[in-house]
Amino acid sequence: MDWLSALADMSKIMGGVVAALTLIGTVTGWWKKGPGRRRTWTKNFKQLAPGVRPAYVEALFGEPAFELAVPVLSITPGTGSRLGLTERVWPLATEGYLTTWSGESDVVAYSLTTTSKRFKPKIRIGSSWDSTRPALNVRLGRTRLAQVSTALDLPHPEEIASWKGARRHEYYEMYYFGNPGHYMTWACGVSGTGYRAGEAGAMERLGPENSAFLRGDLIEKLPVDQRLALDAYRAHAVVNNLMVQGVERVSICPEVPRSGPDHDLVRTLEKPPGFLGKIKVRRQLRRLEGRPAVWERVQHRLTGRFRR
C-alpha cells in the first residue's frame, strides 16, 4: 500500500537524520577534545567574570587538579581584609593552566597561563566593546609587556609586582579602566610557570623598603639603573599569563606575589618527554655541564685513530 511505502521512506529518512546527528556529535566532541580544544579553552575563559560561583567554573572546565588555601592581601580601600582564598588549578592538557582564587561563594580572581608555543589565546583587555576608550587584544605567548601600555595609551601601569629568587621569579602589571572596563582589573604577567618565562631574565623587587609592589607613578622616581633595567625588561618580556580581578583587588601570596599557579606545585604533573624530547634535554644538559656532544666525541676518536 502507498501509505506503507511512505512510512518506510519516512523511517529511512529519520534513520539517516539520526545517523547524521550522531556523526556530527562524535566529530564535534573529537574536535573539542582534540584540535579545537585550544579554541574551547579560550572561549570558556571569556565566559568567566569576577563574582561567578566556583561551581560555574567547574561546569566549563571540569574538576580542578589542585585545591589549596593561599594567603591574600586586600588592597582595595573600604573592602576589609581577607585572611585567605581557595586556589584551584586546572591543567589544560600540557599547554596551559587555568587558576581561580575564590571565597566561600564567589570567584575573586582568575587567570590563564600558556605553557606551549601552540597555545596562544587572544584576550581583550581595557574598555568594553560598546566604548570608544582604548582596548587591546593581548595574545599570550606573543605580546610584549611594553606593547600593552603603548596600545592602551597609558604612561605606565597602575602597579607593578616583581621579585626573583634562586630558582623562581614572577612579574605582572595591573591595568584598570573604571566603568568603561566594567570595573575590572587586568594583570598582564610573566609567570615562572609559563611559556618563554625566563627569556628576558627577571626583575628584582622594585617597591619601597624592598617591597615586591611598586605604584606606577613611582616608576619615574626609580634610580637610573633600575629604570633602564625595567625598560629593557618590558621591551623584551612576553606576556604568558593574564589575571582578571573585579572591584575588590587582592594580592595573591603578598610576600612572593604571583598571577598564575605555583610552579613548584604544578610541575609535579609534568610528564616525561618522548624519545626525541629526551635527546634534546640530554643535549642541553651536556651543554650546561660543558661536556662534548656525541658527534664531537665520535669525531675525536676517529681523529685519534687516523693519527696513529
C-alpha atoms as a PDB file:
ATOM      1  CA  MET A   1       0.000   0.000   0.000  1.00  0.00           C
ATOM      2  CA  ASP A   2       1.083   3.573  -0.715  1.00  0.00           C
ATOM      3  CA  TRP A   3       0.911   4.622   2.906  1.00  0.00           C
ATOM      4  CA  LEU A   4       3.171   1.724   3.929  1.00  0.00           C
ATOM      5  CA  SER A   5       5.742   2.732   1.313  1.00  0.00           C
ATOM      6  CA  ALA A   6       5.596   6.345   2.513  1.00  0.00           C
ATOM      7  CA  LEU A   7       6.056   5.194   6.108  1.00  0.00           C
ATOM      8  CA  ALA A   8       9.072   3.074   5.111  1.00  0.00           C
ATOM      9  CA  ASP A   9      10.599   6.006   3.247  1.00  0.00           C
ATOM     10  CA  MET A  10       9.987   8.242   6.254  1.00  0.00           C
ATOM     11  CA  SER A  11      11.699   5.707   8.540  1.00  0.00           C
ATOM     12  CA  LYS A  12      14.724   5.638   6.241  1.00  0.00           C
ATOM     13  CA  ILE A  13      14.894   9.439   6.233  1.00  0.00           C
ATOM     14  CA  MET A  14      14.635   9.605  10.029  1.00  0.00           C
ATOM     15  CA  GLY A  15      17.292   6.920  10.362  1.00  0.00           C
ATOM     16  CA  GLY A  16      19.580   8.924   8.117  1.00  0.00           C
ATOM     17  CA  VAL A  17      18.945  12.095  10.140  1.00  0.00           C
ATOM     18  CA  VAL A  18      19.706  10.295  13.407  1.00  0.00           C
ATOM     19  CA  ALA A  19      22.895   8.808  11.938  1.00  0.00           C
ATOM     20  CA  ALA A  20      23.974  12.229  10.643  1.00  0.00           C
ATOM     21  CA  LEU A  21      23.325  13.874  14.018  1.00  0.00           C
ATOM     22  CA  THR A  22      25.246  11.113  15.784  1.00  0.00           C
ATOM     23  CA  LEU A  23      28.167  11.578  13.405  1.00  0.00           C
ATOM     24  CA  ILE A  24      28.107  15.350  13.878  1.00  0.00           C
ATOM     25  CA  GLY A  25      28.080  14.922  17.658  1.00  0.00           C
ATOM     26  CA  THR A  26      31.009  12.490  17.508  1.00  0.00           C
ATOM     27  CA  VAL A  27      33.053  14.791  15.259  1.00  0.00           C
ATOM     28  CA  THR A  28      32.212  17.824  17.414  1.00  0.00           C
ATOM     29  CA  GLY A  29      33.289  16.010  20.591  1.00  0.00           C
ATOM     30  CA  TRP A  30      36.512  14.868  18.932  1.00  0.00           C
ATOM     31  CA  TRP A  31      37.215  18.410  17.752  1.00  0.00           C
ATOM     32  CA  LYS A  32      36.629  19.994  21.169  1.00  0.00           C
ATOM     33  CA  LYS A  33      38.881  17.473  22.904  1.00  0.00           C
ATOM     34  CA  GLY A  34      41.475  17.379  20.135  1.00  0.00           C
ATOM     35  CA  PRO A  35      42.448  20.001  17.540  1.00  0.00           C
ATOM     36  CA  GLY A  36      39.844  22.520  18.695  1.00  0.00           C
ATOM     37  CA  ARG A  37      40.491  22.283  22.425  1.00  0.00           C
ATOM     38  CA  ARG A  38      42.575  25.466  22.496  1.00  0.00           C
ATOM     39  CA  ARG A  39      39.700  27.412  20.990  1.00  0.00           C
ATOM     40  CA  THR A  40      37.349  25.842  23.549  1.00  0.00           C
ATOM     41  CA  TRP A  41      39.613  26.808  26.467  1.00  0.00           C
ATOM     42  CA  THR A  42      39.791  30.405  25.240  1.00  0.00           C
ATOM     43  CA  LYS A  43      36.034  30.580  24.647  1.00  0.00           C
ATOM     44  CA  ASN A  44      35.284  29.219  28.126  1.00  0.00           C
ATOM     45  CA  PHE A  45      37.780  31.607  29.747  1.00  0.00           C
ATOM     46  CA  LYS A  46      35.995  34.542  28.130  1.00  0.00           C
ATOM     47  CA  GLN A  47      32.751  33.372  29.764  1.00  0.00           C
ATOM     48  CA  LEU A  48      34.241  33.858  33.236  1.00  0.00           C
ATOM     49  CA  ALA A  49      33.883  37.028  35.297  1.00  0.00           C
ATOM     50  CA  PRO A  50      34.706  38.136  38.843  1.00  0.00           C
ATOM     51  CA  GLY A  51      31.952  37.069  41.217  1.00  0.00           C
ATOM     52  CA  VAL A  52      30.826  33.893  39.450  1.00  0.00           C
ATOM     53  CA  ARG A  53      30.332  30.761  41.553  1.00  0.00           C
ATOM     54  CA  PRO A  54      33.112  28.147  41.704  1.00  0.00           C
ATOM     55  CA  ALA A  55      30.559  25.561  40.508  1.00  0.00           C
ATOM     56  CA  TYR A  56      30.073  27.625  37.330  1.00  0.00           C
ATOM     57  CA  VAL A  57      33.792  27.342  36.562  1.00  0.00           C
ATOM     58  CA  GLU A  58      33.700  23.589  37.095  1.00  0.00           C
ATOM     59  CA  ALA A  59      30.760  23.316  34.687  1.00  0.00           C
ATOM     60  CA  LEU A  60      33.006  24.829  31.993  1.00  0.00           C
ATOM     61  CA  PHE A  61      36.342  23.173  32.796  1.00  0.00           C
ATOM     62  CA  GLY A  62      35.520  20.097  34.881  1.00  0.00           C
ATOM     63  CA  GLU A  63      37.075  19.295  38.241  1.00  0.00           C
ATOM     64  CA  PRO A  64      40.322  21.055  39.206  1.00  0.00           C
ATOM     65  CA  ALA A  65      43.515  19.090  39.785  1.00  0.00           C
ATOM     66  CA  PHE A  66      44.587  21.169  42.800  1.00  0.00           C
ATOM     67  CA  GLU A  67      42.724  22.949  45.572  1.00  0.00           C
ATOM     68  CA  LEU A  68      44.613  24.695  48.354  1.00  0.00           C
ATOM     69  CA  ALA A  69      44.367  27.666  50.717  1.00  0.00           C
ATOM     70  CA  VAL A  70      46.628  30.645  49.949  1.00  0.00           C
ATOM     71  CA  PRO A  71      47.220  33.943  51.800  1.00  0.00           C
ATOM     72  CA  VAL A  72      45.997  37.148  50.175  1.00  0.00           C
ATOM     73  CA  LEU A  73      46.097  40.866  50.914  1.00  0.00           C
ATOM     74  CA  SER A  74      43.123  43.034  50.016  1.00  0.00           C
ATOM     75  CA  ILE A  75      44.390  46.314  48.551  1.00  0.00           C
ATOM     76  CA  THR A  76      41.054  47.990  47.786  1.00  0.00           C
ATOM     77  CA  PRO A  77      40.150  50.707  50.325  1.00  0.00           C
ATOM     78  CA  GLY A  78      36.950  50.037  52.241  1.00  0.00           C
ATOM     79  CA  THR A  79      36.639  46.330  51.366  1.00  0.00           C
ATOM     80  CA  GLY A  80      38.077  44.995  54.611  1.00  0.00           C
ATOM     81  CA  SER A  81      40.754  42.349  54.766  1.00  0.00           C
ATOM     82  CA  ARG A  82      40.771  38.698  53.753  1.00  0.00           C
ATOM     83  CA  LEU A  83      42.806  36.078  55.560  1.00  0.00           C
ATOM     84  CA  GLY A  84      42.974  33.817  52.555  1.00  0.00           C
ATOM     85  CA  LEU A  85      41.302  32.382  49.478  1.00  0.00           C
ATOM     86  CA  THR A  86      40.954  28.952  47.937  1.00  0.00           C
ATOM     87  CA  GLU A  87      43.165  28.474  44.906  1.00  0.00           C
ATOM     88  CA  ARG A  88      42.079  25.931  42.286  1.00  0.00           C
ATOM     89  CA  VAL A  89      44.198  24.896  39.320  1.00  0.00           C
ATOM     90  CA  TRP A  90      43.092  23.180  36.105  1.00  0.00           C
ATOM     91  CA  PRO A  91      45.823  21.758  33.811  1.00  0.00           C
ATOM     92  CA  LEU A  92      44.872  22.404  30.175  1.00  0.00           C
ATOM     93  CA  ALA A  93      46.462  19.234  28.795  1.00  0.00           C
ATOM     94  CA  THR A  94      50.185  20.113  28.642  1.00  0.00           C
ATOM     95  CA  GLU A  95      49.616  23.562  27.121  1.00  0.00           C
ATOM     96  CA  GLY A  96      48.496  25.786  29.966  1.00  0.00           C
ATOM     97  CA  TYR A  97      46.707  26.309  33.265  1.00  0.00           C
ATOM     98  CA  LEU A  98      43.505  27.917  34.448  1.00  0.00           C
ATOM     99  CA  THR A  99      43.735  29.226  38.023  1.00  0.00           C
ATOM    100  CA  THR A 100      40.983  30.699  40.194  1.00  0.00           C
ATOM    101  CA  TRP A 101      41.028  32.270  43.660  1.00  0.00           C
ATOM    102  CA  SER A 102      37.682  32.023  45.425  1.00  0.00           C
ATOM    103  CA  GLY A 103      35.911  32.888  48.643  1.00  0.00           C
ATOM    104  CA  GLU A 104      33.136  30.737  50.046  1.00  0.00           C
ATOM    105  CA  SER A 105      30.694  31.545  47.258  1.00  0.00           C
ATOM    106  CA  ASP A 106      32.423  33.711  44.640  1.00  0.00           C
ATOM    107  CA  VAL A 107      35.481  33.852  42.402  1.00  0.00           C
ATOM    108  CA  VAL A 108      37.577  36.885  43.336  1.00  0.00           C
ATOM    109  CA  ALA A 109      40.277  36.477  40.679  1.00  0.00           C
ATOM    110  CA  TYR A 110      41.150  34.088  37.859  1.00  0.00           C
ATOM    111  CA  SER A 111      43.948  33.703  35.335  1.00  0.00           C
ATOM    112  CA  LEU A 112      45.015  31.879  32.187  1.00  0.00           C
ATOM    113  CA  THR A 113      48.617  30.767  31.614  1.00  0.00           C
ATOM    114  CA  THR A 114      50.128  29.370  28.446  1.00  0.00           C
ATOM    115  CA  THR A 115      52.982  26.879  28.666  1.00  0.00           C
ATOM    116  CA  SER A 116      53.221  25.997  24.974  1.00  0.00           C
ATOM    117  CA  LYS A 117      54.038  27.754  21.722  1.00  0.00           C
ATOM    118  CA  ARG A 118      50.902  26.142  20.254  1.00  0.00           C
ATOM    119  CA  PHE A 119      48.506  27.729  22.772  1.00  0.00           C
ATOM    120  CA  LYS A 120      48.380  31.486  22.123  1.00  0.00           C
ATOM    121  CA  PRO A 121      44.912  32.705  23.167  1.00  0.00           C
ATOM    122  CA  LYS A 122      43.843  36.230  22.272  1.00  0.00           C
ATOM    123  CA  ILE A 123      42.061  38.050  25.109  1.00  0.00           C
ATOM    124  CA  ARG A 124      40.678  41.584  25.060  1.00  0.00           C
ATOM    125  CA  ILE A 125      41.558  43.905  27.940  1.00  0.00           C
ATOM    126  CA  GLY A 126      40.606  47.512  28.555  1.00  0.00           C
ATOM    127  CA  SER A 127      37.303  49.154  27.661  1.00  0.00           C
ATOM    128  CA  SER A 128      34.267  47.103  26.624  1.00  0.00           C
ATOM    129  CA  TRP A 129      33.071  46.678  23.040  1.00  0.00           C
ATOM    130  CA  ASP A 130      30.489  49.466  23.353  1.00  0.00           C
ATOM    131  CA  SER A 131      33.036  52.055  24.466  1.00  0.00           C
ATOM    132  CA  THR A 132      35.360  54.293  22.479  1.00  0.00           C
ATOM    133  CA  ARG A 133      38.071  54.091  25.157  1.00  0.00           C
ATOM    134  CA  PRO A 134      41.329  52.205  24.370  1.00  0.00           C
ATOM    135  CA  ALA A 135      41.407  48.416  24.383  1.00  0.00           C
ATOM    136  CA  LEU A 136      43.864  45.738  23.320  1.00  0.00           C
ATOM    137  CA  ASN A 137      43.749  42.100  22.296  1.00  0.00           C
ATOM    138  CA  VAL A 138      46.590  40.518  24.271  1.00  0.00           C
ATOM    139  CA  ARG A 139      47.936  37.322  22.722  1.00  0.00           C
ATOM    140  CA  LEU A 140      49.574  35.187  25.379  1.00  0.00           C
ATOM    141  CA  GLY A 141      52.988  33.942  24.365  1.00  0.00           C
ATOM    142  CA  ARG A 142      53.457  36.720  21.801  1.00  0.00           C
ATOM    143  CA  THR A 143      52.507  40.222  23.081  1.00  0.00           C
ATOM    144  CA  ARG A 144      55.339  42.021  24.874  1.00  0.00           C
ATOM    145  CA  LEU A 145      54.826  43.995  28.072  1.00  0.00           C
ATOM    146  CA  ALA A 146      55.833  47.326  26.556  1.00  0.00           C
ATOM    147  CA  GLN A 147      53.231  46.887  23.805  1.00  0.00           C
ATOM    148  CA  VAL A 148      50.415  46.758  26.352  1.00  0.00           C
ATOM    149  CA  SER A 149      50.826  50.229  27.881  1.00  0.00           C
ATOM    150  CA  THR A 150      51.613  51.723  24.458  1.00  0.00           C
ATOM    151  CA  ALA A 151      48.478  50.298  22.841  1.00  0.00           C
ATOM    152  CA  LEU A 152      46.330  51.384  25.794  1.00  0.00           C
ATOM    153  CA  ASP A 153      47.775  54.910  25.573  1.00  0.00           C
ATOM    154  CA  LEU A 154      48.916  54.879  29.189  1.00  0.00           C
ATOM    155  CA  PRO A 155      52.172  56.362  30.513  1.00  0.00           C
ATOM    156  CA  HIS A 156      52.642  53.446  32.909  1.00  0.00           C
ATOM    157  CA  PRO A 157      50.795  50.521  34.544  1.00  0.00           C
ATOM    158  CA  GLU A 158      48.781  51.212  37.668  1.00  0.00           C
ATOM    159  CA  GLU A 159      51.032  48.910  39.674  1.00  0.00           C
ATOM    160  CA  ILE A 160      53.959  46.523  39.170  1.00  0.00           C
ATOM    161  CA  ALA A 161      54.722  43.380  41.158  1.00  0.00           C
ATOM    162  CA  SER A 162      58.141  41.781  40.729  1.00  0.00           C
ATOM    163  CA  TRP A 163      60.594  39.511  42.539  1.00  0.00           C
ATOM    164  CA  LYS A 164      63.138  36.821  41.807  1.00  0.00           C
ATOM    165  CA  GLY A 165      64.694  34.110  43.919  1.00  0.00           C
ATOM    166  CA  ALA A 166      67.348  31.464  43.441  1.00  0.00           C
ATOM    167  CA  ARG A 167      65.085  29.334  41.223  1.00  0.00           C
ATOM    168  CA  ARG A 168      61.877  31.230  40.606  1.00  0.00           C
ATOM    169  CA  HIS A 169      60.666  34.660  39.562  1.00  0.00           C
ATOM    170  CA  GLU A 170      57.353  36.436  38.923  1.00  0.00           C
ATOM    171  CA  TYR A 171      56.292  39.710  37.343  1.00  0.00           C
ATOM    172  CA  TYR A 172      52.966  41.340  36.466  1.00  0.00           C
ATOM    173  CA  GLU A 173      51.499  44.750  35.651  1.00  0.00           C
ATOM    174  CA  MET A 174      47.973  45.875  36.595  1.00  0.00           C
ATOM    175  CA  TYR A 175      45.614  47.966  34.440  1.00  0.00           C
ATOM    176  CA  TYR A 176      42.255  49.439  35.466  1.00  0.00           C
ATOM    177  CA  PHE A 177      39.693  51.276  33.299  1.00  0.00           C
ATOM    178  CA  GLY A 178      36.794  52.043  35.640  1.00  0.00           C
ATOM    179  CA  ASN A 179      33.270  51.926  34.220  1.00  0.00           C
ATOM    180  CA  PRO A 180      34.300  51.505  30.526  1.00  0.00           C
ATOM    181  CA  GLY A 181      36.093  48.313  31.617  1.00  0.00           C
ATOM    182  CA  HIS A 182      33.215  47.114  33.861  1.00  0.00           C
ATOM    183  CA  TYR A 183      35.368  47.980  36.901  1.00  0.00           C
ATOM    184  CA  MET A 184      37.652  45.036  36.159  1.00  0.00           C
ATOM    185  CA  THR A 185      41.422  44.975  36.649  1.00  0.00           C
ATOM    186  CA  TRP A 186      43.740  43.088  34.310  1.00  0.00           C
ATOM    187  CA  ALA A 187      47.204  41.879  35.286  1.00  0.00           C
ATOM    188  CA  CYS A 188      49.488  41.114  32.356  1.00  0.00           C
ATOM    189  CA  GLY A 189      52.258  38.935  33.705  1.00  0.00           C
ATOM    190  CA  VAL A 190      55.291  36.781  33.142  1.00  0.00           C
ATOM    191  CA  SER A 191      54.587  33.702  35.223  1.00  0.00           C
ATOM    192  CA  GLY A 192      57.533  31.482  36.064  1.00  0.00           C
ATOM    193  CA  THR A 193      55.295  28.569  35.110  1.00  0.00           C
ATOM    194  CA  GLY A 194      54.538  29.896  31.631  1.00  0.00           C
ATOM    195  CA  TYR A 195      55.959  29.819  28.129  1.00  0.00           C
ATOM    196  CA  ARG A 196      59.134  31.882  27.489  1.00  0.00           C
ATOM    197  CA  ALA A 197      59.262  32.758  31.195  1.00  0.00           C
ATOM    198  CA  GLY A 198      62.997  33.369  31.513  1.00  0.00           C
ATOM    199  CA  GLU A 199      63.663  34.690  28.028  1.00  0.00           C
ATOM    200  CA  ALA A 200      64.135  38.294  29.196  1.00  0.00           C
ATOM    201  CA  GLY A 201      65.679  37.442  32.560  1.00  0.00           C
ATOM    202  CA  ALA A 202      63.909  38.547  35.736  1.00  0.00           C
ATOM    203  CA  MET A 203      63.276  41.720  37.716  1.00  0.00           C
ATOM    204  CA  GLU A 204      64.277  42.301  41.316  1.00  0.00           C
ATOM    205  CA  ARG A 205      61.881  43.803  43.868  1.00  0.00           C
ATOM    206  CA  LEU A 206      61.300  47.423  42.879  1.00  0.00           C
ATOM    207  CA  GLY A 207      58.997  48.681  45.622  1.00  0.00           C
ATOM    208  CA  PRO A 208      59.988  50.881  48.566  1.00  0.00           C
ATOM    209  CA  GLU A 209      61.633  49.123  51.520  1.00  0.00           C
ATOM    210  CA  ASN A 210      62.274  46.014  49.405  1.00  0.00           C
ATOM    211  CA  SER A 211      58.585  45.551  48.698  1.00  0.00           C
ATOM    212  CA  ALA A 212      57.522  43.488  45.691  1.00  0.00           C
ATOM    213  CA  PHE A 213      54.939  46.163  44.759  1.00  0.00           C
ATOM    214  CA  LEU A 214      55.608  49.475  43.037  1.00  0.00           C
ATOM    215  CA  ARG A 215      52.935  52.064  42.199  1.00  0.00           C
ATOM    216  CA  GLY A 216      53.064  53.075  38.577  1.00  0.00           C
ATOM    217  CA  ASP A 217      53.544  56.767  39.317  1.00  0.00           C
ATOM    218  CA  LEU A 218      56.776  55.925  41.165  1.00  0.00           C
ATOM    219  CA  ILE A 219      58.423  54.377  38.103  1.00  0.00           C
ATOM    220  CA  GLU A 220      59.777  57.776  37.074  1.00  0.00           C
ATOM    221  CA  LYS A 221      61.425  58.116  40.508  1.00  0.00           C
ATOM    222  CA  LEU A 222      63.383  54.864  40.289  1.00  0.00           C
ATOM    223  CA  PRO A 223      67.191  55.123  40.205  1.00  0.00           C
ATOM    224  CA  VAL A 224      68.528  55.361  36.669  1.00  0.00           C
ATOM    225  CA  ASP A 225      69.948  51.830  36.623  1.00  0.00           C
ATOM    226  CA  GLN A 226      66.672  50.295  37.823  1.00  0.00           C
ATOM    227  CA  ARG A 227      64.649  52.348  35.359  1.00  0.00           C
ATOM    228  CA  LEU A 228      66.837  51.266  32.436  1.00  0.00           C
ATOM    229  CA  ALA A 229      66.674  47.631  33.552  1.00  0.00           C
ATOM    230  CA  LEU A 230      62.870  47.828  33.804  1.00  0.00           C
ATOM    231  CA  ASP A 231      62.522  49.431  30.365  1.00  0.00           C
ATOM    232  CA  ALA A 232      64.746  46.764  28.815  1.00  0.00           C
ATOM    233  CA  TYR A 233      62.814  44.003  30.538  1.00  0.00           C
ATOM    234  CA  ARG A 234      59.425  45.325  29.422  1.00  0.00           C
ATOM    235  CA  ALA A 235      60.670  45.691  25.851  1.00  0.00           C
ATOM    236  CA  HIS A 236      61.671  42.004  25.630  1.00  0.00           C
ATOM    237  CA  ALA A 237      59.490  40.084  28.125  1.00  0.00           C
ATOM    238  CA  VAL A 238      56.494  38.271  26.633  1.00  0.00           C
ATOM    239  CA  VAL A 239      53.122  38.121  28.431  1.00  0.00           C
ATOM    240  CA  ASN A 240      52.413  34.457  29.178  1.00  0.00           C
ATOM    241  CA  ASN A 241      49.766  34.969  31.858  1.00  0.00           C
ATOM    242  CA  LEU A 242      46.658  37.127  32.218  1.00  0.00           C
ATOM    243  CA  MET A 243      44.842  37.574  35.538  1.00  0.00           C
ATOM    244  CA  VAL A 244      41.444  39.257  35.946  1.00  0.00           C
ATOM    245  CA  GLN A 245      40.107  40.785  39.166  1.00  0.00           C
ATOM    246  CA  GLY A 246      36.915  42.644  39.986  1.00  0.00           C
ATOM    247  CA  VAL A 247      36.018  45.556  42.239  1.00  0.00           C
ATOM    248  CA  GLU A 248      37.926  44.003  45.116  1.00  0.00           C
ATOM    249  CA  ARG A 249      41.637  43.983  44.344  1.00  0.00           C
ATOM    250  CA  VAL A 250      43.815  41.400  46.065  1.00  0.00           C
ATOM    251  CA  SER A 251      47.483  40.440  46.056  1.00  0.00           C
ATOM    252  CA  ILE A 252      47.928  36.671  45.892  1.00  0.00           C
ATOM    253  CA  CYS A 253      50.671  35.442  48.252  1.00  0.00           C
ATOM    254  CA  PRO A 254      51.760  39.033  49.028  1.00  0.00           C
ATOM    255  CA  GLU A 255      55.288  38.133  50.175  1.00  0.00           C
ATOM    256  CA  VAL A 256      56.052  36.489  46.828  1.00  0.00           C
ATOM    257  CA  PRO A 257      53.115  37.656  44.672  1.00  0.00           C
ATOM    258  CA  ARG A 258      52.054  35.768  41.560  1.00  0.00           C
ATOM    259  CA  SER A 259      49.308  35.903  38.956  1.00  0.00           C
ATOM    260  CA  GLY A 260      49.483  32.257  37.903  1.00  0.00           C
ATOM    261  CA  PRO A 261      49.815  28.846  39.546  1.00  0.00           C
ATOM    262  CA  ASP A 262      52.645  27.853  41.875  1.00  0.00           C
ATOM    263  CA  HIS A 263      55.358  26.347  39.681  1.00  0.00           C
ATOM    264  CA  ASP A 264      56.612  24.020  42.415  1.00  0.00           C
ATOM    265  CA  LEU A 265      53.081  22.646  42.694  1.00  0.00           C
ATOM    266  CA  VAL A 266      52.097  22.147  39.063  1.00  0.00           C
ATOM    267  CA  ARG A 267      55.453  20.793  37.905  1.00  0.00           C
ATOM    268  CA  THR A 268      54.650  17.581  39.773  1.00  0.00           C
ATOM    269  CA  LEU A 269      52.215  16.837  36.925  1.00  0.00           C
ATOM    270  CA  GLU A 270      54.809  17.208  34.181  1.00  0.00           C
ATOM    271  CA  LYS A 271      55.077  14.117  32.008  1.00  0.00           C
ATOM    272  CA  PRO A 272      58.473  12.747  30.914  1.00  0.00           C
ATOM    273  CA  PRO A 273      59.401  13.746  27.358  1.00  0.00           C
ATOM    274  CA  GLY A 274      59.244  11.349  24.442  1.00  0.00           C
ATOM    275  CA  PHE A 275      62.233   9.778  22.711  1.00  0.00           C
ATOM    276  CA  LEU A 276      63.209  12.875  20.706  1.00  0.00           C
ATOM    277  CA  GLY A 277      62.457  15.106  23.680  1.00  0.00           C
ATOM    278  CA  LYS A 278      64.835  13.121  25.886  1.00  0.00           C
ATOM    279  CA  ILE A 279      67.586  13.500  23.291  1.00  0.00           C
ATOM    280  CA  LYS A 280      67.033  17.275  23.235  1.00  0.00           C
ATOM    281  CA  VAL A 281      67.085  17.522  27.041  1.00  0.00           C
ATOM    282  CA  ARG A 282      70.267  15.466  27.304  1.00  0.00           C
ATOM    283  CA  ARG A 283      71.921  17.652  24.676  1.00  0.00           C
ATOM    284  CA  GLN A 284      71.005  20.758  26.669  1.00  0.00           C
ATOM    285  CA  LEU A 285      72.356  19.219  29.894  1.00  0.00           C
ATOM    286  CA  ARG A 286      75.662  18.369  28.197  1.00  0.00           C
ATOM    287  CA  ARG A 287      75.975  21.970  27.027  1.00  0.00           C
ATOM    288  CA  LEU A 288      75.263  23.315  30.512  1.00  0.00           C
ATOM    289  CA  GLU A 289      77.857  20.963  32.019  1.00  0.00           C
ATOM    290  CA  GLY A 290      80.404  21.736  29.315  1.00  0.00           C
ATOM    291  CA  ARG A 291      80.571  18.147  28.070  1.00  0.00           C
ATOM    292  CA  PRO A 292      81.126  17.471  24.341  1.00  0.00           C
ATOM    293  CA  ALA A 293      78.236  16.283  22.193  1.00  0.00           C
ATOM    294  CA  VAL A 294      78.089  12.679  20.969  1.00  0.00           C
ATOM    295  CA  TRP A 295      79.206  13.564  17.454  1.00  0.00           C
ATOM    296  CA  GLU A 296      82.150  15.535  18.879  1.00  0.00           C
ATOM    297  CA  ARG A 297      83.274  12.515  20.898  1.00  0.00           C
ATOM    298  CA  VAL A 298      82.985  10.253  17.825  1.00  0.00           C
ATOM    299  CA  GLN A 299      84.925  12.767  15.748  1.00  0.00           C
ATOM    300  CA  HIS A 300      87.628  12.944  18.424  1.00  0.00           C
ATOM    301  CA  ARG A 301      88.011   9.168  18.495  1.00  0.00           C
ATOM    302  CA  LEU A 302      88.167   8.912  14.702  1.00  0.00           C
ATOM    303  CA  THR A 303      90.745  11.703  14.541  1.00  0.00           C
ATOM    304  CA  GLY A 304      92.857   9.875  17.143  1.00  0.00           C
ATOM    305  CA  ARG A 305      92.778   6.627  15.133  1.00  0.00           C
ATOM    306  CA  PHE A 306      93.836   8.333  11.915  1.00  0.00           C
ATOM    307  CA  ARG A 307      96.752   9.988  13.659  1.00  0.00           C
ATOM    308  CA  ARG A 308      98.023   6.609  14.754  1.00  0.00           C
END
